[in-house]
């Protein structure tokens, strides 16, 4: 009998102490981010066309290419075919285990054309594969990300939950919190100025629902 698929998706802020799951979970990396303490990667993703990478974020390209050449058995999913690409001083004609991300299939899903970042694409793909559990680690969608990226990811997590898929977020994630603006007269460099006010007081209403 085939075991149910379980997936762990790692962001750049993932911390080893926050990652809690069994060995029966697939580990997915994205955008050239490979945590040294993860002992096994099962799938690697860079969901950008080669044109976009070269024009906007070419730095993401090289780590994936070099890793793919060193790990030819692990599939690397890309938005289109990467051919005749440079990795340092070497020109790589093609990658050994490159797979094209199934855009057309995923666009058939409800709101399938609503994607604002790599994480929501991967959650949608895990749903497409029939995953029963999805773990998210180190997802901090703030500075440097599209404004809609957090809402989009939470939409796809909600869609997964509605299908009975369990979504587990590590404590190093910024999902499912109540965020609001704070105005003050603090002086940068002289006062303590956190980027996030971490307020976890026990509230009179809804205290049981405050994320831990």
Foldseek 3Di string as FASTA:
>chain_A
DDDFAAEEEEDQQFDPVQDDDDPRYAYEYELLDDDPPPPDHQEYEYADDPVCCVVPPVVSPQSVQVVQQVVVVHEYEYQDFDAQDDRPPDTHGGGNHYDYQPLVVQCVDVPSVDAFDDLLSVLSVCVVVRHQEYEYGQADQDPPGPPCHQVSSVVSVVVCVVVNRHYHYTPNHDHDADDDDDDDDDDPPPDDDDPGDDDLDQDPPCNVVHDD
